[in-house]
Amino acid sequence: MTKLQSPSAYRIANNLSLFREYVDPNGLLSEEEFEDFDNVAKYDMMRDCGMSFRLSGMQALRYADAHDLTVNKYADPTEDAREGLTIEEAVDIMHQDQSLIWLQVGTEDDSEDV
C-alpha cells in the first residue's frame, strides 16, 4: 500500500467511497471482498500518514492480533494498569469490561482516541 501524503487521511479513512478509491483504485475487489476489508487497513493507512491514535476494546484487539502486538489494560478498582498483555489475557479481561483494553498506535504525542 502506498503512503498517502495528505493531511486528510482521517477524512479518507472515515469516508467509505474515498477509502475504497484509496485501497482499490482499479476496482478489482468485489463488493464481498471489500466488505471483508477490515478497519485494520484504515488504521494502517492513518499510521502510515503519521497519525497517532489510541484504540480500545475490540478495535485494539483486532489491530494487535493482525500485527502480532500486545495490548494494555487501564487500572480498575480491583487491579493496577498492566502493559504487554497477550491476546488471550486481553480476551479474559474483556469478558468483564471491553473498555479496559487499549493499544497506542504511533507515538503518544498528539494522539486521539478512535
Protein backbone atom coordinates (compact mmCIF):
# COMPACT_ATOMS: atom_id res chain seq x y z
CA MET A 1 0.00 0.00 0.00
CA THR A 2 1.33 3.43 -0.93
CA LYS A 3 1.72 6.03 1.78
CA LEU A 4 -0.86 8.76 1.50
CA GLN A 5 0.84 12.15 1.77
CA SER A 6 -2.23 14.14 2.72
CA PRO A 7 -3.50 15.86 5.85
CA SER A 8 -6.94 14.47 5.02
CA ALA A 9 -6.04 10.85 5.87
CA TYR A 10 -8.56 10.76 8.72
CA ARG A 11 -11.31 12.04 6.41
CA ILE A 12 -10.44 9.41 3.80
CA ALA A 13 -10.31 6.61 6.37
CA ASN A 14 -13.77 7.56 7.61
CA ASN A 15 -15.39 8.04 4.18
CA LEU A 16 -16.19 4.64 2.65
CA SER A 17 -16.14 5.71 -1.00
CA LEU A 18 -12.89 7.68 -0.65
CA PHE A 19 -11.35 4.80 1.31
CA ARG A 20 -12.38 2.35 -1.42
CA GLU A 21 -10.70 4.56 -4.06
CA TYR A 22 -7.55 4.56 -1.94
CA VAL A 23 -7.31 0.81 -1.31
CA ASP A 24 -8.79 -0.37 -4.62
CA PRO A 25 -8.15 2.35 -7.25
CA ASN A 26 -8.67 -0.05 -10.16
CA GLY A 27 -11.90 -1.57 -8.81
CA LEU A 28 -10.51 -5.10 -8.62
CA LEU A 29 -12.22 -6.07 -5.34
CA SER A 30 -15.74 -7.45 -5.43
CA GLU A 31 -18.31 -5.98 -3.04
CA GLU A 32 -17.91 -9.03 -0.79
CA GLU A 33 -14.13 -8.73 -0.76
CA PHE A 34 -14.32 -5.04 0.02
CA GLU A 35 -16.80 -5.62 2.86
CA ASP A 36 -14.32 -8.10 4.34
CA PHE A 37 -11.63 -5.40 4.30
CA ASP A 38 -11.18 -4.75 8.00
CA ASN A 39 -10.69 -1.49 9.87
CA VAL A 40 -7.12 -2.66 10.40
CA ALA A 41 -6.28 -1.38 6.90
CA LYS A 42 -7.78 2.01 7.74
CA TYR A 43 -5.69 2.24 10.88
CA ASP A 44 -2.57 1.20 8.95
CA MET A 45 -3.22 3.97 6.46
CA MET A 46 -3.69 6.52 9.24
CA ARG A 47 -0.48 5.34 10.95
CA ASP A 48 1.45 5.46 7.67
CA CYS A 49 0.32 9.06 7.24
CA GLY A 50 1.95 9.93 10.55
CA MET A 51 -1.21 9.98 12.62
CA SER A 52 -1.08 8.80 16.21
CA PHE A 53 -4.10 7.39 18.00
CA ARG A 54 -5.30 5.04 20.71
CA LEU A 55 -7.62 2.11 20.02
CA SER A 56 -9.72 0.44 22.67
CA GLY A 57 -11.76 -2.72 23.10
CA MET A 58 -12.26 -4.97 20.07
CA GLN A 59 -10.59 -2.46 17.72
CA ALA A 60 -7.41 -2.67 19.80
CA LEU A 61 -7.61 -6.44 19.95
CA ARG A 62 -8.12 -6.87 16.19
CA TYR A 63 -5.29 -4.49 15.35
CA ALA A 64 -2.92 -6.16 17.83
CA ASP A 65 -3.83 -9.61 16.52
CA ALA A 66 -3.25 -8.56 12.90
CA HIS A 67 0.20 -7.14 13.73
CA ASP A 68 1.28 -9.60 16.43
CA LEU A 69 1.33 -6.87 19.10
CA THR A 70 0.49 -6.88 22.78
CA VAL A 71 -2.16 -4.63 24.33
CA ASN A 72 -2.53 -2.74 27.59
CA LYS A 73 -5.10 -2.54 30.37
CA TYR A 74 -6.26 0.53 32.24
CA ALA A 75 -6.35 0.31 36.03
CA ASP A 76 -9.66 -0.68 37.57
CA PRO A 77 -10.85 -0.89 41.20
CA THR A 78 -9.50 -4.44 41.56
CA GLU A 79 -6.20 -4.27 39.67
CA ASP A 80 -3.49 -1.83 38.60
CA ALA A 81 -2.84 -0.93 34.97
CA ARG A 82 -0.94 -3.58 33.01
CA GLU A 83 1.16 -3.47 29.85
CA GLY A 84 2.18 -6.17 27.39
CA LEU A 85 -0.91 -8.36 27.61
CA THR A 86 -1.29 -11.23 25.16
CA ILE A 87 -4.46 -11.55 23.10
CA GLU A 88 -5.61 -14.40 25.35
CA GLU A 89 -5.11 -12.35 28.51
CA ALA A 90 -6.94 -9.41 26.95
CA VAL A 91 -9.90 -11.60 25.94
CA ASP A 92 -10.27 -12.76 29.54
CA ILE A 93 -10.32 -9.16 30.75
CA MET A 94 -12.71 -8.10 28.00
CA HIS A 95 -15.28 -10.61 29.25
CA GLN A 96 -15.60 -8.28 32.25
CA ASP A 97 -15.12 -4.88 30.57
CA GLN A 98 -14.00 -4.23 26.98
CA SER A 99 -13.17 -0.61 27.67
CA LEU A 100 -10.22 -1.60 29.89
CA ILE A 101 -8.15 -2.77 26.90
CA TRP A 102 -6.22 -0.27 24.78
CA LEU A 103 -3.41 -0.01 22.25
CA GLN A 104 -1.36 3.02 21.26
CA VAL A 105 -0.69 3.25 17.50
CA GLY A 106 2.06 5.69 16.58
CA THR A 107 3.60 7.94 19.20
CA GLU A 108 1.62 9.17 22.18
CA ASP A 109 2.28 12.82 21.27
CA ASP A 110 -0.82 14.40 19.73
CA SER A 111 -2.75 11.11 19.78
CA GLU A 112 -6.53 10.89 19.50
CA ASP A 113 -8.91 8.20 20.71
CA VAL A 114 -10.51 6.41 17.76
